[in-house]
């Protein structure tokens, strides 16, 4: 169902004037319910549609191409990729697709970020690479669409908060870093 704006004054008057007609003649125009504007309701129509679908396919192909990369290839200490915090960060990334609410997706991303922050300072230059490595190793479905959905339907004021905005910015930076990587530079 395509999203449309709120009903105009003419549509509302036509709707309410229909109640003054006899029931046999009454025809009510379909009004869009306010639940149609709820991100959870529009999740199925928006996620993975249009350009995001193409970006998801390109990203999945890139993740498949880079699947052989290990921490030593990109300058991250191997000790950061072993252990429960790295595994929990991967689980949080995979768990994002289980939720339809953008705030739940952001919470998963924030939890992933928190787990990786226990391994490495987020201001360290290799933090983006560590997050990218987590993305490569767990290959979360529709990752690009998940992030864009969360970005589009989260209140912009809450993105200024470091607890939500920073993990989203870091995840988008890691995606961009992954998109420019060439597998041939790591082989050989």
C-alpha atoms as a PDB file:
ATOM      1  CA  UNK A   1       0.000   0.000   0.000  1.00  0.00           C
ATOM      2  CA  UNK A   2       1.591   3.313  -1.018  1.00  0.00           C
ATOM      3  CA  UNK A   3       1.952   5.980   1.621  1.00  0.00           C
ATOM      4  CA  UNK A   4      -0.194   9.055   1.063  1.00  0.00           C
ATOM      5  CA  UNK A   5      -0.554  12.279   2.985  1.00  0.00           C
ATOM      6  CA  UNK A   6      -3.315  13.073   5.445  1.00  0.00           C
ATOM      7  CA  UNK A   7      -6.802  13.543   3.976  1.00  0.00           C
ATOM      8  CA  UNK A   8      -7.675  16.973   2.634  1.00  0.00           C
ATOM      9  CA  UNK A   9     -10.538  19.061   3.916  1.00  0.00           C
ATOM     10  CA  UNK A  10     -12.662  18.070   0.917  1.00  0.00           C
ATOM     11  CA  UNK A  11     -12.061  14.377   1.571  1.00  0.00           C
ATOM     12  CA  UNK A  12     -12.996  14.786   5.225  1.00  0.00           C
ATOM     13  CA  UNK A  13     -16.178  16.715   4.433  1.00  0.00           C
ATOM     14  CA  UNK A  14     -17.113  14.105   1.820  1.00  0.00           C
ATOM     15  CA  UNK A  15     -16.482  11.379   4.374  1.00  0.00           C
ATOM     16  CA  UNK A  16     -18.604  12.961   7.080  1.00  0.00           C
ATOM     17  CA  UNK A  17     -21.355  14.083   4.702  1.00  0.00           C
ATOM     18  CA  UNK A  18     -21.764  10.430   3.790  1.00  0.00           C
ATOM     19  CA  UNK A  19     -23.288   9.854   7.211  1.00  0.00           C
ATOM     20  CA  UNK A  20     -26.170  12.176   6.354  1.00  0.00           C
ATOM     21  CA  UNK A  21     -27.156  10.059   3.351  1.00  0.00           C
ATOM     22  CA  UNK A  22     -29.315   6.977   3.555  1.00  0.00           C
ATOM     23  CA  UNK A  23     -27.332   3.806   4.165  1.00  0.00           C
ATOM     24  CA  UNK A  24     -28.170   2.407   0.759  1.00  0.00           C
ATOM     25  CA  UNK A  25     -26.562   5.422  -0.961  1.00  0.00           C
ATOM     26  CA  UNK A  26     -23.741   6.020   1.487  1.00  0.00           C
ATOM     27  CA  UNK A  27     -20.246   5.549   0.054  1.00  0.00           C
ATOM     28  CA  UNK A  28     -17.363   6.363   2.298  1.00  0.00           C
ATOM     29  CA  UNK A  29     -13.981   7.135   0.762  1.00  0.00           C
ATOM     30  CA  UNK A  30     -11.155   5.115   2.204  1.00  0.00           C
ATOM     31  CA  UNK A  31      -9.137   7.194   4.631  1.00  0.00           C
ATOM     32  CA  UNK A  32      -5.586   6.283   5.453  1.00  0.00           C
ATOM     33  CA  UNK A  33      -5.308   5.256   9.077  1.00  0.00           C
ATOM     34  CA  UNK A  34      -2.656   6.872  11.204  1.00  0.00           C
ATOM     35  CA  UNK A  35      -1.130   3.431  11.703  1.00  0.00           C
ATOM     36  CA  UNK A  36       0.026   3.617   8.085  1.00  0.00           C
ATOM     37  CA  UNK A  37       2.573   6.193   9.231  1.00  0.00           C
ATOM     38  CA  UNK A  38       3.885   3.926  11.942  1.00  0.00           C
ATOM     39  CA  UNK A  39       7.371   2.671  10.963  1.00  0.00           C
ATOM     40  CA  UNK A  40       6.557  -0.802  12.227  1.00  0.00           C
ATOM     41  CA  UNK A  41       3.563  -0.897   9.878  1.00  0.00           C
ATOM     42  CA  UNK A  42       5.559   0.332   6.861  1.00  0.00           C
ATOM     43  CA  UNK A  43       8.514  -1.951   7.601  1.00  0.00           C
ATOM     44  CA  UNK A  44       7.603  -4.553   4.975  1.00  0.00           C
ATOM     45  CA  UNK A  45       6.993  -1.949   2.261  1.00  0.00           C
ATOM     46  CA  UNK A  46      10.102   0.118   2.947  1.00  0.00           C
ATOM     47  CA  UNK A  47      12.817  -2.349   3.907  1.00  0.00           C
ATOM     48  CA  UNK A  48      14.776  -3.616   0.957  1.00  0.00           C
ATOM     49  CA  UNK A  49      12.791  -1.634  -1.594  1.00  0.00           C
ATOM     50  CA  UNK A  50      14.133   0.369  -4.491  1.00  0.00           C
ATOM     51  CA  UNK A  51      17.736   1.505  -4.351  1.00  0.00           C
ATOM     52  CA  UNK A  52      18.264  -0.098  -0.945  1.00  0.00           C
ATOM     53  CA  UNK A  53      17.561  -3.506  -2.463  1.00  0.00           C
ATOM     54  CA  UNK A  54      20.286  -2.945  -5.048  1.00  0.00           C
ATOM     55  CA  UNK A  55      22.706  -1.706  -2.373  1.00  0.00           C
ATOM     56  CA  UNK A  56      21.954  -4.798  -0.270  1.00  0.00           C
ATOM     57  CA  UNK A  57      22.757  -7.122  -3.160  1.00  0.00           C
ATOM     58  CA  UNK A  58      25.982  -5.275  -3.933  1.00  0.00           C
ATOM     59  CA  UNK A  59      26.959  -5.331  -0.254  1.00  0.00           C
ATOM     60  CA  UNK A  60      26.217  -9.054   0.092  1.00  0.00           C
ATOM     61  CA  UNK A  61      28.379  -9.743  -2.961  1.00  0.00           C
ATOM     62  CA  UNK A  62      31.164  -7.600  -1.497  1.00  0.00           C
ATOM     63  CA  UNK A  63      30.884  -9.365   1.871  1.00  0.00           C
ATOM     64  CA  UNK A  64      31.120 -12.699   0.066  1.00  0.00           C
ATOM     65  CA  UNK A  65      34.187 -11.522  -1.833  1.00  0.00           C
ATOM     66  CA  UNK A  66      35.869 -10.332   1.360  1.00  0.00           C
ATOM     67  CA  UNK A  67      34.861 -13.354   3.458  1.00  0.00           C
ATOM     68  CA  UNK A  68      38.447 -14.656   3.601  1.00  0.00           C
ATOM     69  CA  UNK A  69      39.738 -11.516   5.369  1.00  0.00           C
ATOM     70  CA  UNK A  70      41.092 -11.966   8.876  1.00  0.00           C
ATOM     71  CA  UNK A  71      42.230  -9.445  11.451  1.00  0.00           C
ATOM     72  CA  UNK A  72      45.850  -9.708  10.356  1.00  0.00           C
ATOM     73  CA  UNK A  73      44.941  -8.622   6.805  1.00  0.00           C
ATOM     74  CA  UNK A  74      43.578  -5.248   7.910  1.00  0.00           C
ATOM     75  CA  UNK A  75      45.835  -4.350  10.812  1.00  0.00           C
ATOM     76  CA  UNK A  76      43.611  -5.353  13.719  1.00  0.00           C
ATOM     77  CA  UNK A  77      45.008  -7.415  16.574  1.00  0.00           C
ATOM     78  CA  UNK A  78      43.809 -11.005  16.342  1.00  0.00           C
ATOM     79  CA  UNK A  79      43.084 -10.992  20.076  1.00  0.00           C
ATOM     80  CA  UNK A  80      40.213  -8.546  19.410  1.00  0.00           C
ATOM     81  CA  UNK A  81      38.387 -11.045  17.197  1.00  0.00           C
ATOM     82  CA  UNK A  82      38.589 -13.940  19.636  1.00  0.00           C
ATOM     83  CA  UNK A  83      36.321 -14.109  22.600  1.00  0.00           C
ATOM     84  CA  UNK A  84      32.769 -13.524  23.741  1.00  0.00           C
ATOM     85  CA  UNK A  85      32.594  -9.761  23.105  1.00  0.00           C
ATOM     86  CA  UNK A  86      33.324 -10.080  19.393  1.00  0.00           C
ATOM     87  CA  UNK A  87      30.845 -12.968  19.102  1.00  0.00           C
ATOM     88  CA  UNK A  88      28.174 -10.956  20.939  1.00  0.00           C
ATOM     89  CA  UNK A  89      28.786  -8.008  18.621  1.00  0.00           C
ATOM     90  CA  UNK A  90      28.195 -10.302  15.646  1.00  0.00           C
ATOM     91  CA  UNK A  91      25.035 -11.683  17.251  1.00  0.00           C
ATOM     92  CA  UNK A  92      23.730  -8.141  17.748  1.00  0.00           C
ATOM     93  CA  UNK A  93      24.294  -7.369  14.073  1.00  0.00           C
ATOM     94  CA  UNK A  94      22.443 -10.527  13.029  1.00  0.00           C
ATOM     95  CA  UNK A  95      19.632  -9.780  15.494  1.00  0.00           C
ATOM     96  CA  UNK A  96      18.829  -6.437  13.818  1.00  0.00           C
ATOM     97  CA  UNK A  97      16.712  -8.095  11.136  1.00  0.00           C
ATOM     98  CA  UNK A  98      14.453  -9.683  13.759  1.00  0.00           C
ATOM     99  CA  UNK A  99      12.980  -6.313  14.724  1.00  0.00           C
ATOM    100  CA  UNK A 100      10.658  -4.042  12.790  1.00  0.00           C
ATOM    101  CA  UNK A 101      10.974  -1.025  15.060  1.00  0.00           C
ATOM    102  CA  UNK A 102      13.772   1.393  14.160  1.00  0.00           C
ATOM    103  CA  UNK A 103      14.559   1.977  17.833  1.00  0.00           C
ATOM    104  CA  UNK A 104      14.993  -1.764  18.372  1.00  0.00           C
ATOM    105  CA  UNK A 105      17.361  -1.881  15.405  1.00  0.00           C
ATOM    106  CA  UNK A 106      19.265   1.063  16.866  1.00  0.00           C
ATOM    107  CA  UNK A 107      19.414  -0.711  20.234  1.00  0.00           C
ATOM    108  CA  UNK A 108      20.968  -3.776  18.558  1.00  0.00           C
ATOM    109  CA  UNK A 109      23.483  -1.550  16.820  1.00  0.00           C
ATOM    110  CA  UNK A 110      24.275   0.245  20.088  1.00  0.00           C
ATOM    111  CA  UNK A 111      24.768  -3.114  21.830  1.00  0.00           C
ATOM    112  CA  UNK A 112      27.120  -4.239  19.054  1.00  0.00           C
ATOM    113  CA  UNK A 113      29.039  -0.987  19.430  1.00  0.00           C
ATOM    114  CA  UNK A 114      29.230  -1.426  23.216  1.00  0.00           C
ATOM    115  CA  UNK A 115      30.632  -4.951  22.866  1.00  0.00           C
ATOM    116  CA  UNK A 116      33.288  -3.777  20.444  1.00  0.00           C
ATOM    117  CA  UNK A 117      34.128  -0.817  22.698  1.00  0.00           C
ATOM    118  CA  UNK A 118      35.167  -3.292  25.391  1.00  0.00           C
ATOM    119  CA  UNK A 119      37.742  -4.625  22.932  1.00  0.00           C
ATOM    120  CA  UNK A 120      38.999  -1.399  21.411  1.00  0.00           C
ATOM    121  CA  UNK A 121      38.630   2.325  22.009  1.00  0.00           C
ATOM    122  CA  UNK A 122      36.066   3.733  19.525  1.00  0.00           C
ATOM    123  CA  UNK A 123      38.418   6.655  18.813  1.00  0.00           C
ATOM    124  CA  UNK A 124      41.132   4.261  17.675  1.00  0.00           C
ATOM    125  CA  UNK A 125      41.714   4.330  13.936  1.00  0.00           C
ATOM    126  CA  UNK A 126      41.220   0.575  13.625  1.00  0.00           C
ATOM    127  CA  UNK A 127      37.798   0.539  15.341  1.00  0.00           C
ATOM    128  CA  UNK A 128      36.004   0.989  12.003  1.00  0.00           C
ATOM    129  CA  UNK A 129      38.017  -1.928  10.628  1.00  0.00           C
ATOM    130  CA  UNK A 130      37.065  -4.076  13.634  1.00  0.00           C
ATOM    131  CA  UNK A 131      33.387  -3.273  13.087  1.00  0.00           C
ATOM    132  CA  UNK A 132      33.777  -3.988   9.364  1.00  0.00           C
ATOM    133  CA  UNK A 133      35.398  -7.312  10.200  1.00  0.00           C
ATOM    134  CA  UNK A 134      32.422  -8.176  12.414  1.00  0.00           C
ATOM    135  CA  UNK A 135      30.125  -7.346   9.485  1.00  0.00           C
ATOM    136  CA  UNK A 136      32.158  -9.480   7.081  1.00  0.00           C
ATOM    137  CA  UNK A 137      32.317 -12.461   9.396  1.00  0.00           C
ATOM    138  CA  UNK A 138      28.618 -12.566  10.317  1.00  0.00           C
ATOM    139  CA  UNK A 139      27.103 -11.268   7.026  1.00  0.00           C
ATOM    140  CA  UNK A 140      23.891  -9.822   8.509  1.00  0.00           C
ATOM    141  CA  UNK A 141      20.983  -9.949   6.043  1.00  0.00           C
ATOM    142  CA  UNK A 142      19.929  -6.677   4.415  1.00  0.00           C
ATOM    143  CA  UNK A 143      22.443  -4.710   6.456  1.00  0.00           C
ATOM    144  CA  UNK A 144      22.344  -1.622   4.259  1.00  0.00           C
ATOM    145  CA  UNK A 145      18.532  -1.535   4.341  1.00  0.00           C
ATOM    146  CA  UNK A 146      18.483  -2.138   8.100  1.00  0.00           C
ATOM    147  CA  UNK A 147      20.739   0.857   8.728  1.00  0.00           C
ATOM    148  CA  UNK A 148      18.927   3.121   6.281  1.00  0.00           C
ATOM    149  CA  UNK A 149      15.534   2.132   7.733  1.00  0.00           C
ATOM    150  CA  UNK A 150      16.750   2.949  11.233  1.00  0.00           C
ATOM    151  CA  UNK A 151      18.179   6.257  10.027  1.00  0.00           C
ATOM    152  CA  UNK A 152      15.041   7.309   8.161  1.00  0.00           C
ATOM    153  CA  UNK A 153      12.526   6.424  10.857  1.00  0.00           C
ATOM    154  CA  UNK A 154      14.369   7.326  14.047  1.00  0.00           C
ATOM    155  CA  UNK A 155      13.650  10.713  15.546  1.00  0.00           C
ATOM    156  CA  UNK A 156      16.482  12.990  14.335  1.00  0.00           C
ATOM    157  CA  UNK A 157      16.825  14.505  17.810  1.00  0.00           C
ATOM    158  CA  UNK A 158      17.741  11.112  19.280  1.00  0.00           C
ATOM    159  CA  UNK A 159      20.521  10.693  16.699  1.00  0.00           C
ATOM    160  CA  UNK A 160      22.390  13.577  18.340  1.00  0.00           C
ATOM    161  CA  UNK A 161      22.662  11.366  21.414  1.00  0.00           C
ATOM    162  CA  UNK A 162      26.028   9.611  21.504  1.00  0.00           C
ATOM    163  CA  UNK A 163      24.370   6.334  22.530  1.00  0.00           C
ATOM    164  CA  UNK A 164      22.467   6.067  19.229  1.00  0.00           C
ATOM    165  CA  UNK A 165      24.105   8.459  16.779  1.00  0.00           C
ATOM    166  CA  UNK A 166      27.685   7.326  17.253  1.00  0.00           C
ATOM    167  CA  UNK A 167      27.026   3.600  16.644  1.00  0.00           C
ATOM    168  CA  UNK A 168      24.999   4.438  13.539  1.00  0.00           C
ATOM    169  CA  UNK A 169      27.717   6.730  12.193  1.00  0.00           C
ATOM    170  CA  UNK A 170      30.380   4.119  12.881  1.00  0.00           C
ATOM    171  CA  UNK A 171      28.349   1.374  11.199  1.00  0.00           C
ATOM    172  CA  UNK A 172      27.770   3.507   8.103  1.00  0.00           C
ATOM    173  CA  UNK A 173      31.480   4.351   8.005  1.00  0.00           C
ATOM    174  CA  UNK A 174      32.351   0.649   8.247  1.00  0.00           C
ATOM    175  CA  UNK A 175      29.971  -0.098   5.368  1.00  0.00           C
ATOM    176  CA  UNK A 176      31.579   2.586   3.251  1.00  0.00           C
ATOM    177  CA  UNK A 177      35.019   1.248   4.113  1.00  0.00           C
ATOM    178  CA  UNK A 178      33.914  -2.242   3.051  1.00  0.00           C
ATOM    179  CA  UNK A 179      32.495  -0.967  -0.221  1.00  0.00           C
ATOM    180  CA  UNK A 180      35.820   0.485  -1.349  1.00  0.00           C
ATOM    181  CA  UNK A 181      37.916  -2.557  -0.457  1.00  0.00           C
ATOM    182  CA  UNK A 182      39.392  -4.639  -3.240  1.00  0.00           C
ATOM    183  CA  UNK A 183      39.883  -8.310  -2.401  1.00  0.00           C
ATOM    184  CA  UNK A 184      42.926  -8.511  -4.708  1.00  0.00           C
ATOM    185  CA  UNK A 185      44.931  -6.251  -2.380  1.00  0.00           C
ATOM    186  CA  UNK A 186      44.607  -8.796   0.446  1.00  0.00           C
ATOM    187  CA  UNK A 187      45.377 -11.897  -1.596  1.00  0.00           C
ATOM    188  CA  UNK A 188      48.785 -13.126  -2.460  1.00  0.00           C
END
